[in-house]
Amino acid sequence: MNDADRALTKAIGERLRAARHARGLSLSALAALTDGLYSKSRISNYEQGLRRLNSEGAEVLAAALGNVTAAQLLGLDEEDATAGSEQ
């Protein structure tokens, strides 16, 4: 993974963490909201930038969070990328 990829992966993780914190959810609580599709350790890996969240995972986590879209998590909607974390 090159520096640009690492930076993107980290930014996605930071948006995920901000959205989770905005909802007041623990990693375990968010994992439970995915109906077992994602474990708390996997979500933690995304947040730490150890794994890159793909579009399918972003859809599941955005639906579970309810305060962001998948596009916002992935940084595809830059205008609104931080708006969800403030709600």
Protein backbone atom coordinates (compact mmCIF):
# COMPACT_ATOMS: atom_id res chain seq x y z
CA MET A 1 0.00 0.00 0.00
CA ASN A 2 1.46 3.36 -0.99
CA ASP A 3 1.25 6.58 1.02
CA ALA A 4 -1.83 7.85 -0.82
CA ASP A 5 -3.67 4.58 -0.18
CA ARG A 6 -2.71 4.65 3.49
CA ALA A 7 -3.93 8.24 3.82
CA LEU A 8 -7.26 7.38 2.17
CA THR A 9 -7.74 4.31 4.36
CA LYS A 10 -7.00 6.37 7.46
CA ALA A 11 -9.40 9.15 6.41
CA ILE A 12 -12.20 6.62 5.85
CA GLY A 13 -11.54 5.18 9.29
CA GLU A 14 -11.62 8.61 10.89
CA ARG A 15 -14.99 9.37 9.28
CA LEU A 16 -16.36 6.04 10.50
CA ARG A 17 -15.14 6.69 14.05
CA ALA A 18 -16.56 10.23 14.04
CA ALA A 19 -19.95 8.98 12.88
CA ARG A 20 -19.95 6.23 15.53
CA HIS A 21 -19.00 8.67 18.28
CA ALA A 22 -21.66 11.13 17.10
CA ARG A 23 -24.23 8.39 17.68
CA GLY A 24 -22.71 7.56 21.07
CA LEU A 25 -22.12 3.93 20.08
CA SER A 26 -19.41 1.59 21.28
CA LEU A 27 -17.74 -0.74 18.82
CA SER A 28 -19.78 -3.61 20.27
CA ALA A 29 -23.03 -1.70 19.87
CA LEU A 30 -22.27 -0.85 16.25
CA ALA A 31 -21.30 -4.46 15.55
CA ALA A 32 -24.63 -5.57 17.01
CA LEU A 33 -26.48 -3.16 14.72
CA THR A 34 -24.94 -4.93 11.70
CA ASP A 35 -26.74 -8.14 12.72
CA GLY A 36 -23.45 -9.99 13.03
CA LEU A 37 -22.08 -9.05 9.61
CA TYR A 38 -19.19 -7.10 11.15
CA SER A 39 -17.39 -7.80 14.41
CA LYS A 40 -16.17 -5.07 16.73
CA SER A 41 -12.56 -6.00 15.91
CA ARG A 42 -13.20 -5.64 12.17
CA ILE A 43 -14.84 -2.24 12.69
CA SER A 44 -11.92 -1.25 14.89
CA ASN A 45 -9.52 -2.27 12.12
CA TYR A 46 -11.40 0.00 9.72
CA GLU A 47 -11.30 2.88 12.18
CA GLN A 48 -7.56 2.45 12.78
CA GLY A 49 -6.84 2.33 9.07
CA LEU A 50 -5.58 -1.25 9.23
CA ARG A 51 -8.20 -2.41 6.71
CA ARG A 52 -9.92 -0.47 3.95
CA LEU A 53 -13.69 -0.28 4.07
CA ASN A 54 -15.24 -1.27 0.74
CA SER A 55 -18.50 0.03 -0.71
CA GLU A 56 -20.53 -2.95 0.50
CA GLY A 57 -19.23 -2.56 4.03
CA ALA A 58 -19.83 1.18 3.90
CA GLU A 59 -23.47 0.54 2.96
CA VAL A 60 -23.96 -1.85 5.90
CA LEU A 61 -22.23 0.42 8.42
CA ALA A 62 -23.96 3.57 7.16
CA ALA A 63 -27.34 1.86 7.50
CA ALA A 64 -26.44 0.70 11.01
CA LEU A 65 -25.24 4.17 12.02
CA GLY A 66 -28.14 6.03 10.47
CA ASN A 67 -26.35 9.40 10.55
CA VAL A 68 -24.16 9.13 7.43
CA THR A 69 -24.32 7.71 3.95
CA ALA A 70 -21.93 5.18 2.46
CA ALA A 71 -20.68 7.92 0.13
CA GLN A 72 -19.89 10.13 3.11
CA LEU A 73 -17.98 7.34 4.87
CA LEU A 74 -15.94 6.66 1.75
CA GLY A 75 -15.29 10.35 1.12
CA LEU A 76 -17.14 10.32 -2.19
CA ASP A 77 -19.45 13.09 -1.04
CA GLU A 78 -16.84 15.52 0.29
CA GLU A 79 -19.30 18.39 0.71
CA ASP A 80 -21.26 16.34 3.24
CA ALA A 81 -18.46 14.07 4.52
CA THR A 82 -18.32 15.76 7.92
CA ALA A 83 -21.96 16.77 8.19
CA GLY A 84 -23.10 13.36 9.40
CA SER A 85 -20.64 13.35 12.26
CA GLU A 86 -22.14 16.57 13.60
CA GLN A 87 -25.72 15.30 13.77
